[in-house]
mmCIF file of all heavy atoms, coordinates in Angstrom:
data_MODEL
# 
_entry.id   MODEL 
# 
loop_
_atom_site.group_PDB 
_atom_site.id 
_atom_site.type_symbol 
_atom_site.label_atom_id 
_atom_site.label_alt_id 
_atom_site.label_comp_id 
_atom_site.label_asym_id 
_atom_site.label_entity_id 
_atom_site.label_seq_id 
_atom_site.pdbx_PDB_ins_code 
_atom_site.Cartn_x 
_atom_site.Cartn_y 
_atom_site.Cartn_z 
_atom_site.occupancy 
_atom_site.B_iso_or_equiv 
_atom_site.pdbx_formal_charge 
_atom_site.auth_seq_id 
_atom_site.auth_comp_id 
_atom_site.auth_asym_id 
_atom_site.auth_atom_id 
_atom_site.pdbx_PDB_model_num 
ATOM 1   N N   . LEU A 1 1  ? -4.445  -0.939 5.748   1.00 0.00 ? 1  LEU A N   1 
ATOM 2   C CA  . LEU A 1 1  ? -4.741  -0.476 7.101   1.00 0.00 ? 1  LEU A CA  1 
ATOM 3   C C   . LEU A 1 1  ? -5.866  -1.303 7.666   1.00 0.00 ? 1  LEU A C   1 
ATOM 4   O O   . LEU A 1 1  ? -6.919  -1.499 6.973   1.00 0.00 ? 1  LEU A O   1 
ATOM 5   C CB  . LEU A 1 1  ? -5.054  1.033  7.203   1.00 0.00 ? 1  LEU A CB  1 
ATOM 6   C CG  . LEU A 1 1  ? -4.939  1.758  8.468   1.00 0.00 ? 1  LEU A CG  1 
ATOM 7   C CD1 . LEU A 1 1  ? -3.510  1.758  8.962   1.00 0.00 ? 1  LEU A CD1 1 
ATOM 8   C CD2 . LEU A 1 1  ? -5.485  3.139  8.385   1.00 0.00 ? 1  LEU A CD2 1 
ATOM 9   N N   . HIS A 1 2  ? -5.743  -1.790 8.862   1.00 0.00 ? 2  HIS A N   1 
ATOM 10  C CA  . HIS A 1 2  ? -6.578  -2.788 9.447   1.00 0.00 ? 2  HIS A CA  1 
ATOM 11  C C   . HIS A 1 2  ? -6.902  -2.331 10.930  1.00 0.00 ? 2  HIS A C   1 
ATOM 12  O O   . HIS A 1 2  ? -5.931  -2.035 11.617  1.00 0.00 ? 2  HIS A O   1 
ATOM 13  C CB  . HIS A 1 2  ? -6.048  -4.150 9.441   1.00 0.00 ? 2  HIS A CB  1 
ATOM 14  C CG  . HIS A 1 2  ? -6.934  -5.234 9.724   1.00 0.00 ? 2  HIS A CG  1 
ATOM 15  N ND1 . HIS A 1 2  ? -7.570  -5.503 10.932  1.00 0.00 ? 2  HIS A ND1 1 
ATOM 16  C CD2 . HIS A 1 2  ? -7.395  -6.288 8.899   1.00 0.00 ? 2  HIS A CD2 1 
ATOM 17  C CE1 . HIS A 1 2  ? -8.345  -6.577 10.873  1.00 0.00 ? 2  HIS A CE1 1 
ATOM 18  N NE2 . HIS A 1 2  ? -8.338  -7.105 9.555   1.00 0.00 ? 2  HIS A NE2 1 
ATOM 19  N N   . ASP A 1 3  ? -8.143  -2.284 11.361  1.00 0.00 ? 3  ASP A N   1 
ATOM 20  C CA  . ASP A 1 3  ? -8.495  -1.737 12.705  1.00 0.00 ? 3  ASP A CA  1 
ATOM 21  C C   . ASP A 1 3  ? -8.728  -2.951 13.671  1.00 0.00 ? 3  ASP A C   1 
ATOM 22  O O   . ASP A 1 3  ? -9.242  -2.676 14.807  1.00 0.00 ? 3  ASP A O   1 
ATOM 23  C CB  . ASP A 1 3  ? -9.633  -0.851 12.630  1.00 0.00 ? 3  ASP A CB  1 
ATOM 24  C CG  . ASP A 1 3  ? -11.028 -1.598 12.211  1.00 0.00 ? 3  ASP A CG  1 
ATOM 25  O OD1 . ASP A 1 3  ? -10.950 -2.757 12.048  1.00 0.00 ? 3  ASP A OD1 1 
ATOM 26  O OD2 . ASP A 1 3  ? -12.032 -0.873 12.195  1.00 0.00 ? 3  ASP A OD2 1 
ATOM 27  N N   . GLY A 1 4  ? -8.312  -4.121 13.354  1.00 0.00 ? 4  GLY A N   1 
ATOM 28  C CA  . GLY A 1 4  ? -8.631  -5.298 14.245  1.00 0.00 ? 4  GLY A CA  1 
ATOM 29  C C   . GLY A 1 4  ? -9.888  -6.044 13.987  1.00 0.00 ? 4  GLY A C   1 
ATOM 30  O O   . GLY A 1 4  ? -10.082 -7.103 14.323  1.00 0.00 ? 4  GLY A O   1 
ATOM 31  N N   . SER A 1 5  ? -10.818 -5.331 13.186  1.00 0.00 ? 5  SER A N   1 
ATOM 32  C CA  . SER A 1 5  ? -12.039 -5.899 12.771  1.00 0.00 ? 5  SER A CA  1 
ATOM 33  C C   . SER A 1 5  ? -12.156 -6.098 11.334  1.00 0.00 ? 5  SER A C   1 
ATOM 34  O O   . SER A 1 5  ? -12.913 -6.984 10.888  1.00 0.00 ? 5  SER A O   1 
ATOM 35  C CB  . SER A 1 5  ? -13.255 -5.025 13.201  1.00 0.00 ? 5  SER A CB  1 
ATOM 36  O OG  . SER A 1 5  ? -13.293 -5.052 14.753  1.00 0.00 ? 5  SER A OG  1 
ATOM 37  N N   . GLY A 1 6  ? -11.496 -5.314 10.602  1.00 0.00 ? 6  GLY A N   1 
ATOM 38  C CA  . GLY A 1 6  ? -11.607 -5.219 9.115   1.00 0.00 ? 6  GLY A CA  1 
ATOM 39  C C   . GLY A 1 6  ? -10.594 -4.363 8.470   1.00 0.00 ? 6  GLY A C   1 
ATOM 40  O O   . GLY A 1 6  ? -9.977  -3.557 9.127   1.00 0.00 ? 6  GLY A O   1 
ATOM 41  N N   . VAL A 1 7  ? -10.383 -4.547 7.139   1.00 0.00 ? 7  VAL A N   1 
ATOM 42  C CA  . VAL A 1 7  ? -9.400  -3.792 6.371   1.00 0.00 ? 7  VAL A CA  1 
ATOM 43  C C   . VAL A 1 7  ? -10.154 -2.505 6.072   1.00 0.00 ? 7  VAL A C   1 
ATOM 44  O O   . VAL A 1 7  ? -11.295 -2.352 5.566   1.00 0.00 ? 7  VAL A O   1 
ATOM 45  C CB  . VAL A 1 7  ? -9.130  -4.490 5.016   1.00 0.00 ? 7  VAL A CB  1 
ATOM 46  C CG1 . VAL A 1 7  ? -8.279  -3.509 4.225   1.00 0.00 ? 7  VAL A CG1 1 
ATOM 47  C CG2 . VAL A 1 7  ? -8.395  -5.812 5.378   1.00 0.00 ? 7  VAL A CG2 1 
ATOM 48  N N   . LEU A 1 8  ? -9.570  -1.284 6.431   1.00 0.00 ? 8  LEU A N   1 
ATOM 49  C CA  . LEU A 1 8  ? -10.137 0.046  6.189   1.00 0.00 ? 8  LEU A CA  1 
ATOM 50  C C   . LEU A 1 8  ? -9.717  0.515  4.822   1.00 0.00 ? 8  LEU A C   1 
ATOM 51  O O   . LEU A 1 8  ? -10.567 1.317  4.191   1.00 0.00 ? 8  LEU A O   1 
ATOM 52  C CB  . LEU A 1 8  ? -9.537  0.881  7.187   1.00 0.00 ? 8  LEU A CB  1 
ATOM 53  C CG  . LEU A 1 8  ? -9.806  0.626  8.649   1.00 0.00 ? 8  LEU A CG  1 
ATOM 54  C CD1 . LEU A 1 8  ? -9.244  1.649  9.587   1.00 0.00 ? 8  LEU A CD1 1 
ATOM 55  C CD2 . LEU A 1 8  ? -11.340 0.431  8.899   1.00 0.00 ? 8  LEU A CD2 1 
ATOM 56  N N   . ALA A 1 9  ? -8.591  0.186  4.294   1.00 0.00 ? 9  ALA A N   1 
ATOM 57  C CA  . ALA A 1 9  ? -8.104  0.734  2.999   1.00 0.00 ? 9  ALA A CA  1 
ATOM 58  C C   . ALA A 1 9  ? -6.958  -0.126 2.544   1.00 0.00 ? 9  ALA A C   1 
ATOM 59  O O   . ALA A 1 9  ? -6.197  -0.663 3.365   1.00 0.00 ? 9  ALA A O   1 
ATOM 60  C CB  . ALA A 1 9  ? -7.696  2.183  3.040   1.00 0.00 ? 9  ALA A CB  1 
ATOM 61  N N   . GLU A 1 10 ? -6.809  -0.244 1.191   1.00 0.00 ? 10 GLU A N   1 
ATOM 62  C CA  . GLU A 1 10 ? -5.613  -1.101 0.655   1.00 0.00 ? 10 GLU A CA  1 
ATOM 63  C C   . GLU A 1 10 ? -5.162  -0.367 -0.668  1.00 0.00 ? 10 GLU A C   1 
ATOM 64  O O   . GLU A 1 10 ? -6.005  0.206  -1.363  1.00 0.00 ? 10 GLU A O   1 
ATOM 65  C CB  . GLU A 1 10 ? -6.098  -2.533 0.402   1.00 0.00 ? 10 GLU A CB  1 
ATOM 66  C CG  . GLU A 1 10 ? -4.935  -3.382 -0.233  1.00 0.00 ? 10 GLU A CG  1 
ATOM 67  C CD  . GLU A 1 10 ? -5.465  -4.686 -0.721  1.00 0.00 ? 10 GLU A CD  1 
ATOM 68  O OE1 . GLU A 1 10 ? -6.642  -4.882 -0.844  1.00 0.00 ? 10 GLU A OE1 1 
ATOM 69  O OE2 . GLU A 1 10 ? -4.592  -5.530 -0.924  1.00 0.00 ? 10 GLU A OE2 1 
ATOM 70  N N   . SER A 1 11 ? -3.915  -0.520 -0.914  1.00 0.00 ? 11 SER A N   1 
ATOM 71  C CA  . SER A 1 11 ? -3.311  -0.178 -2.185  1.00 0.00 ? 11 SER A CA  1 
ATOM 72  C C   . SER A 1 11 ? -2.358  -1.295 -2.650  1.00 0.00 ? 11 SER A C   1 
ATOM 73  O O   . SER A 1 11 ? -1.729  -1.874 -1.848  1.00 0.00 ? 11 SER A O   1 
ATOM 74  C CB  . SER A 1 11 ? -2.498  1.197  -2.099  1.00 0.00 ? 11 SER A CB  1 
ATOM 75  O OG  . SER A 1 11 ? -1.831  1.465  -3.138  1.00 0.00 ? 11 SER A OG  1 
ATOM 76  N N   . ARG A 1 12 ? -2.464  -1.536 -3.958  1.00 0.00 ? 12 ARG A N   1 
ATOM 77  C CA  . ARG A 1 12 ? -1.507  -2.492 -4.511  1.00 0.00 ? 12 ARG A CA  1 
ATOM 78  C C   . ARG A 1 12 ? -1.304  -2.146 -5.946  1.00 0.00 ? 12 ARG A C   1 
ATOM 79  O O   . ARG A 1 12 ? -2.158  -1.965 -6.818  1.00 0.00 ? 12 ARG A O   1 
ATOM 80  C CB  . ARG A 1 12 ? -2.144  -3.910 -4.561  1.00 0.00 ? 12 ARG A CB  1 
ATOM 81  C CG  . ARG A 1 12 ? -1.139  -4.989 -5.050  1.00 0.00 ? 12 ARG A CG  1 
ATOM 82  C CD  . ARG A 1 12 ? -1.581  -6.383 -4.778  1.00 0.00 ? 12 ARG A CD  1 
ATOM 83  N NE  . ARG A 1 12 ? -2.845  -6.611 -5.460  1.00 0.00 ? 12 ARG A NE  1 
ATOM 84  C CZ  . ARG A 1 12 ? -3.275  -8.021 -5.581  1.00 0.00 ? 12 ARG A CZ  1 
ATOM 85  N NH1 . ARG A 1 12 ? -2.628  -9.032 -5.115  1.00 0.00 ? 12 ARG A NH1 1 
ATOM 86  N NH2 . ARG A 1 12 ? -4.367  -8.217 -6.276  1.00 0.00 ? 12 ARG A NH2 1 
ATOM 87  N N   . GLN A 1 13 ? 0.032   -2.004 -6.199  1.00 0.00 ? 13 GLN A N   1 
ATOM 88  C CA  . GLN A 1 13 ? 0.560   -1.713 -7.577  1.00 0.00 ? 13 GLN A CA  1 
ATOM 89  C C   . GLN A 1 13 ? 1.648   -2.681 -7.932  1.00 0.00 ? 13 GLN A C   1 
ATOM 90  O O   . GLN A 1 13 ? 2.555   -2.974 -7.151  1.00 0.00 ? 13 GLN A O   1 
ATOM 91  C CB  . GLN A 1 13 ? 1.082   -0.243 -7.637  1.00 0.00 ? 13 GLN A CB  1 
ATOM 92  C CG  . GLN A 1 13 ? 0.090   0.792  -7.371  1.00 0.00 ? 13 GLN A CG  1 
ATOM 93  C CD  . GLN A 1 13 ? 0.793   2.155  -7.159  1.00 0.00 ? 13 GLN A CD  1 
ATOM 94  O OE1 . GLN A 1 13 ? 1.174   2.469  -6.082  1.00 0.00 ? 13 GLN A OE1 1 
ATOM 95  N NE2 . GLN A 1 13 ? 0.851   2.986  -8.181  1.00 0.00 ? 13 GLN A NE2 1 
ATOM 96  N N   . VAL A 1 14 ? 1.534   -3.332 -9.099  1.00 0.00 ? 14 VAL A N   1 
ATOM 97  C CA  . VAL A 1 14 ? 2.510   -4.356 -9.494  1.00 0.00 ? 14 VAL A CA  1 
ATOM 98  C C   . VAL A 1 14 ? 3.593   -3.700 -10.355 1.00 0.00 ? 14 VAL A C   1 
ATOM 99  O O   . VAL A 1 14 ? 3.205   -3.299 -11.538 1.00 0.00 ? 14 VAL A O   1 
ATOM 100 C CB  . VAL A 1 14 ? 1.865   -5.529 -10.101 1.00 0.00 ? 14 VAL A CB  1 
ATOM 101 C CG1 . VAL A 1 14 ? 2.902   -6.570 -10.586 1.00 0.00 ? 14 VAL A CG1 1 
ATOM 102 C CG2 . VAL A 1 14 ? 0.800   -6.158 -9.257  1.00 0.00 ? 14 VAL A CG2 1 
ATOM 103 N N   . ASP A 1 15 ? 4.783   -3.557 -9.930  1.00 0.00 ? 15 ASP A N   1 
ATOM 104 C CA  . ASP A 1 15 ? 5.826   -3.012 -10.713 1.00 0.00 ? 15 ASP A CA  1 
ATOM 105 C C   . ASP A 1 15 ? 7.177   -3.338 -9.903  1.00 0.00 ? 15 ASP A C   1 
ATOM 106 O O   . ASP A 1 15 ? 7.551   -2.855 -8.961  1.00 0.00 ? 15 ASP A O   1 
ATOM 107 C CB  . ASP A 1 15 ? 5.751   -1.572 -10.749 1.00 0.00 ? 15 ASP A CB  1 
ATOM 108 C CG  . ASP A 1 15 ? 6.724   -0.859 -11.688 1.00 0.00 ? 15 ASP A CG  1 
ATOM 109 O OD1 . ASP A 1 15 ? 7.904   -1.510 -11.881 1.00 0.00 ? 15 ASP A OD1 1 
ATOM 110 O OD2 . ASP A 1 15 ? 6.449   0.150  -12.355 1.00 0.00 ? 15 ASP A OD2 1 
ATOM 111 N N   . ALA A 1 16 ? 7.857   -4.452 -10.492 1.00 0.00 ? 16 ALA A N   1 
ATOM 112 C CA  . ALA A 1 16 ? 9.025   -5.017 -9.944  1.00 0.00 ? 16 ALA A CA  1 
ATOM 113 C C   . ALA A 1 16 ? 10.163  -4.059 -9.750  1.00 0.00 ? 16 ALA A C   1 
ATOM 114 O O   . ALA A 1 16 ? 11.103  -4.381 -9.036  1.00 0.00 ? 16 ALA A O   1 
ATOM 115 C CB  . ALA A 1 16 ? 9.433   -6.213 -10.587 1.00 0.00 ? 16 ALA A CB  1 
ATOM 116 N N   . ARG A 1 17 ? 10.212  -2.880 -10.529 1.00 0.00 ? 17 ARG A N   1 
ATOM 117 C CA  . ARG A 1 17 ? 11.380  -2.103 -10.503 1.00 0.00 ? 17 ARG A CA  1 
ATOM 118 C C   . ARG A 1 17 ? 11.188  -0.719 -9.817  1.00 0.00 ? 17 ARG A C   1 
ATOM 119 O O   . ARG A 1 17 ? 12.089  0.080  -9.876  1.00 0.00 ? 17 ARG A O   1 
ATOM 120 C CB  . ARG A 1 17 ? 11.845  -1.777 -11.903 1.00 0.00 ? 17 ARG A CB  1 
ATOM 121 C CG  . ARG A 1 17 ? 12.216  -3.033 -12.648 1.00 0.00 ? 17 ARG A CG  1 
ATOM 122 C CD  . ARG A 1 17 ? 12.714  -2.757 -14.089 1.00 0.00 ? 17 ARG A CD  1 
ATOM 123 N NE  . ARG A 1 17 ? 13.040  -3.935 -14.874 1.00 0.00 ? 17 ARG A NE  1 
ATOM 124 C CZ  . ARG A 1 17 ? 14.249  -4.497 -14.784 1.00 0.00 ? 17 ARG A CZ  1 
ATOM 125 N NH1 . ARG A 1 17 ? 15.129  -3.957 -14.045 1.00 0.00 ? 17 ARG A NH1 1 
ATOM 126 N NH2 . ARG A 1 17 ? 14.466  -5.562 -15.459 1.00 0.00 ? 17 ARG A NH2 1 
ATOM 127 N N   . ARG A 1 18 ? 9.985   -0.566 -9.129  1.00 0.00 ? 18 ARG A N   1 
ATOM 128 C CA  . ARG A 1 18 ? 9.735   0.765  -8.614  1.00 0.00 ? 18 ARG A CA  1 
ATOM 129 C C   . ARG A 1 18 ? 9.257   0.731  -7.072  1.00 0.00 ? 18 ARG A C   1 
ATOM 130 O O   . ARG A 1 18 ? 8.494   1.543  -6.715  1.00 0.00 ? 18 ARG A O   1 
ATOM 131 C CB  . ARG A 1 18 ? 8.744   1.469  -9.443  1.00 0.00 ? 18 ARG A CB  1 
ATOM 132 C CG  . ARG A 1 18 ? 9.115   1.812  -10.839 1.00 0.00 ? 18 ARG A CG  1 
ATOM 133 C CD  . ARG A 1 18 ? 8.069   2.353  -11.729 1.00 0.00 ? 18 ARG A CD  1 
ATOM 134 N NE  . ARG A 1 18 ? 7.664   3.751  -11.089 1.00 0.00 ? 18 ARG A NE  1 
ATOM 135 C CZ  . ARG A 1 18 ? 6.531   4.266  -11.093 1.00 0.00 ? 18 ARG A CZ  1 
ATOM 136 N NH1 . ARG A 1 18 ? 5.506   3.596  -11.697 1.00 0.00 ? 18 ARG A NH1 1 
ATOM 137 N NH2 . ARG A 1 18 ? 6.239   5.511  -10.685 1.00 0.00 ? 18 ARG A NH2 1 
ATOM 138 N N   . HIS A 1 19 ? 9.720   -0.236 -6.442  1.00 0.00 ? 19 HIS A N   1 
ATOM 139 C CA  . HIS A 1 19 ? 9.321   -0.400 -4.963  1.00 0.00 ? 19 HIS A CA  1 
ATOM 140 C C   . HIS A 1 19 ? 9.563   0.869  -4.192  1.00 0.00 ? 19 HIS A C   1 
ATOM 141 O O   . HIS A 1 19 ? 8.681   1.339  -3.446  1.00 0.00 ? 19 HIS A O   1 
ATOM 142 C CB  . HIS A 1 19 ? 9.967   -1.604 -4.310  1.00 0.00 ? 19 HIS A CB  1 
ATOM 143 C CG  . HIS A 1 19 ? 9.607   -2.928 -4.815  1.00 0.00 ? 19 HIS A CG  1 
ATOM 144 N ND1 . HIS A 1 19 ? 10.199  -3.522 -5.921  1.00 0.00 ? 19 HIS A ND1 1 
ATOM 145 C CD2 . HIS A 1 19 ? 8.649   -3.829 -4.502  1.00 0.00 ? 19 HIS A CD2 1 
ATOM 146 C CE1 . HIS A 1 19 ? 9.678   -4.674 -6.163  1.00 0.00 ? 19 HIS A CE1 1 
ATOM 147 N NE2 . HIS A 1 19 ? 8.772   -4.908 -5.348  1.00 0.00 ? 19 HIS A NE2 1 
ATOM 148 N N   . GLY A 1 20 ? 10.817  1.375  -4.377  1.00 0.00 ? 20 GLY A N   1 
ATOM 149 C CA  . GLY A 1 20 ? 11.109  2.608  -3.555  1.00 0.00 ? 20 GLY A CA  1 
ATOM 150 C C   . GLY A 1 20 ? 10.348  3.835  -3.910  1.00 0.00 ? 20 GLY A C   1 
ATOM 151 O O   . GLY A 1 20 ? 10.114  4.686  -3.119  1.00 0.00 ? 20 GLY A O   1 
ATOM 152 N N   . GLU A 1 21 ? 9.882   3.997  -5.186  1.00 0.00 ? 21 GLU A N   1 
ATOM 153 C CA  . GLU A 1 21 ? 9.149   5.095  -5.628  1.00 0.00 ? 21 GLU A CA  1 
ATOM 154 C C   . GLU A 1 21 ? 7.679   4.971  -5.154  1.00 0.00 ? 21 GLU A C   1 
ATOM 155 O O   . GLU A 1 21 ? 7.096   6.020  -4.900  1.00 0.00 ? 21 GLU A O   1 
ATOM 156 C CB  . GLU A 1 21 ? 9.159   5.219  -7.132  1.00 0.00 ? 21 GLU A CB  1 
ATOM 157 C CG  . GLU A 1 21 ? 10.448  5.385  -7.757  1.00 0.00 ? 21 GLU A CG  1 
ATOM 158 C CD  . GLU A 1 21 ? 10.422  5.535  -9.265  1.00 0.00 ? 21 GLU A CD  1 
ATOM 159 O OE1 . GLU A 1 21 ? 9.494   6.191  -9.715  1.00 0.00 ? 21 GLU A OE1 1 
ATOM 160 O OE2 . GLU A 1 21 ? 11.238  4.774  -9.948  1.00 0.00 ? 21 GLU A OE2 1 
ATOM 161 N N   . LEU A 1 22 ? 7.149   3.770  -5.165  1.00 0.00 ? 22 LEU A N   1 
ATOM 162 C CA  . LEU A 1 22 ? 5.713   3.577  -4.997  1.00 0.00 ? 22 LEU A CA  1 
ATOM 163 C C   . LEU A 1 22 ? 5.317   3.416  -3.488  1.00 0.00 ? 22 LEU A C   1 
ATOM 164 O O   . LEU A 1 22 ? 4.154   3.736  -3.210  1.00 0.00 ? 22 LEU A O   1 
ATOM 165 C CB  . LEU A 1 22 ? 5.213   2.381  -5.856  1.00 0.00 ? 22 LEU A CB  1 
ATOM 166 C CG  . LEU A 1 22 ? 5.436   2.522  -7.322  1.00 0.00 ? 22 LEU A CG  1 
ATOM 167 C CD1 . LEU A 1 22 ? 5.039   1.134  -7.968  1.00 0.00 ? 22 LEU A CD1 1 
ATOM 168 C CD2 . LEU A 1 22 ? 4.641   3.542  -7.926  1.00 0.00 ? 22 LEU A CD2 1 
ATOM 169 N N   . LEU A 1 23 ? 6.163   2.986  -2.603  1.00 0.00 ? 23 LEU A N   1 
ATOM 170 C CA  . LEU A 1 23 ? 5.655   2.524  -1.362  1.00 0.00 ? 23 LEU A CA  1 
ATOM 171 C C   . LEU A 1 23 ? 5.225   3.620  -0.455  1.00 0.00 ? 23 LEU A C   1 
ATOM 172 O O   . LEU A 1 23 ? 4.105   3.635  0.066   1.00 0.00 ? 23 LEU A O   1 
ATOM 173 C CB  . LEU A 1 23 ? 6.843   1.812  -0.568  1.00 0.00 ? 23 LEU A CB  1 
ATOM 174 C CG  . LEU A 1 23 ? 6.495   1.282  0.770   1.00 0.00 ? 23 LEU A CG  1 
ATOM 175 C CD1 . LEU A 1 23 ? 5.226   0.459  0.738   1.00 0.00 ? 23 LEU A CD1 1 
ATOM 176 C CD2 . LEU A 1 23 ? 7.629   0.658  1.451   1.00 0.00 ? 23 LEU A CD2 1 
ATOM 177 N N   . LEU A 1 24 ? 5.945   4.752  -0.319  1.00 0.00 ? 24 LEU A N   1 
ATOM 178 C CA  . LEU A 1 24 ? 5.503   5.900  0.550   1.00 0.00 ? 24 LEU A CA  1 
ATOM 179 C C   . LEU A 1 24 ? 4.256   6.561  0.080   1.00 0.00 ? 24 LEU A C   1 
ATOM 180 O O   . LEU A 1 24 ? 3.336   6.839  0.816   1.00 0.00 ? 24 LEU A O   1 
ATOM 181 C CB  . LEU A 1 24 ? 6.696   6.776  0.772   1.00 0.00 ? 24 LEU A CB  1 
ATOM 182 C CG  . LEU A 1 24 ? 7.821   6.265  1.754   1.00 0.00 ? 24 LEU A CG  1 
ATOM 183 C CD1 . LEU A 1 24 ? 8.885   7.374  1.828   1.00 0.00 ? 24 LEU A CD1 1 
ATOM 184 C CD2 . LEU A 1 24 ? 7.180   5.824  3.054   1.00 0.00 ? 24 LEU A CD2 1 
ATOM 185 N N   . PRO A 1 25 ? 4.107   6.852  -1.186  1.00 0.00 ? 25 PRO A N   1 
ATOM 186 C CA  . PRO A 1 25 ? 2.882   7.371  -1.679  1.00 0.00 ? 25 PRO A CA  1 
ATOM 187 C C   . PRO A 1 25 ? 1.685   6.472  -1.495  1.00 0.00 ? 25 PRO A C   1 
ATOM 188 O O   . PRO A 1 25 ? 0.531   6.902  -1.251  1.00 0.00 ? 25 PRO A O   1 
ATOM 189 C CB  . PRO A 1 25 ? 3.126   7.593  -3.217  1.00 0.00 ? 25 PRO A CB  1 
ATOM 190 C CG  . PRO A 1 25 ? 4.643   7.723  -3.369  1.00 0.00 ? 25 PRO A CG  1 
ATOM 191 C CD  . PRO A 1 25 ? 5.205   6.813  -2.274  1.00 0.00 ? 25 PRO A CD  1 
ATOM 192 N N   . ALA A 1 26 ? 1.895   5.175  -1.528  1.00 0.00 ? 26 ALA A N   1 
ATOM 193 C CA  . ALA A 1 26 ? 0.898   4.194  -1.230  1.00 0.00 ? 26 ALA A CA  1 
ATOM 194 C C   . ALA A 1 26 ? 0.433   4.289  0.312   1.00 0.00 ? 26 ALA A C   1 
ATOM 195 O O   . ALA A 1 26 ? -0.706  4.169  0.572   1.00 0.00 ? 26 ALA A O   1 
ATOM 196 C CB  . ALA A 1 26 ? 1.323   2.848  -1.545  1.00 0.00 ? 26 ALA A CB  1 
ATOM 197 N N   . VAL A 1 27 ? 1.397   4.435  1.076   1.00 0.00 ? 27 VAL A N   1 
ATOM 198 C CA  . VAL A 1 27 ? 1.081   4.565  2.553   1.00 0.00 ? 27 VAL A CA  1 
ATOM 199 C C   . VAL A 1 27 ? 0.240   5.889  2.782   1.00 0.00 ? 27 VAL A C   1 
ATOM 200 O O   . VAL A 1 27 ? -0.851  5.847  3.404   1.00 0.00 ? 27 VAL A O   1 
ATOM 201 C CB  . VAL A 1 27 ? 2.371   4.729  3.415   1.00 0.00 ? 27 VAL A CB  1 
ATOM 202 C CG1 . VAL A 1 27 ? 2.062   4.987  4.828   1.00 0.00 ? 27 VAL A CG1 1 
ATOM 203 C CG2 . VAL A 1 27 ? 3.109   3.350  3.402   1.00 0.00 ? 27 VAL A CG2 1 
ATOM 204 N N   . ASP A 1 28 ? 0.682   6.947  2.040   1.00 0.00 ? 28 ASP A N   1 
ATOM 205 C CA  . ASP A 1 28 ? -0.186  8.202  2.254   1.00 0.00 ? 28 ASP A CA  1 
ATOM 206 C C   . ASP A 1 28 ? -1.561  8.095  1.732   1.00 0.00 ? 28 ASP A C   1 
ATOM 207 O O   . ASP A 1 28 ? -2.504  8.462  2.324   1.00 0.00 ? 28 ASP A O   1 
ATOM 208 C CB  . ASP A 1 28 ? 0.546   9.346  1.436   1.00 0.00 ? 28 ASP A CB  1 
ATOM 209 C CG  . ASP A 1 28 ? 1.815   9.785  2.003   1.00 0.00 ? 28 ASP A CG  1 
ATOM 210 O OD1 . ASP A 1 28 ? 1.966   9.558  3.297   1.00 0.00 ? 28 ASP A OD1 1 
ATOM 211 O OD2 . ASP A 1 28 ? 2.650   10.501 1.430   1.00 0.00 ? 28 ASP A OD2 1 
# 
């Protein structure tokens, strides 16, 4: 999440087989 001045928060998980499981929880 970026407010135009800087990054407010970030999530990154490396797992090539679980994109569908991990994306929405990461957004939350």
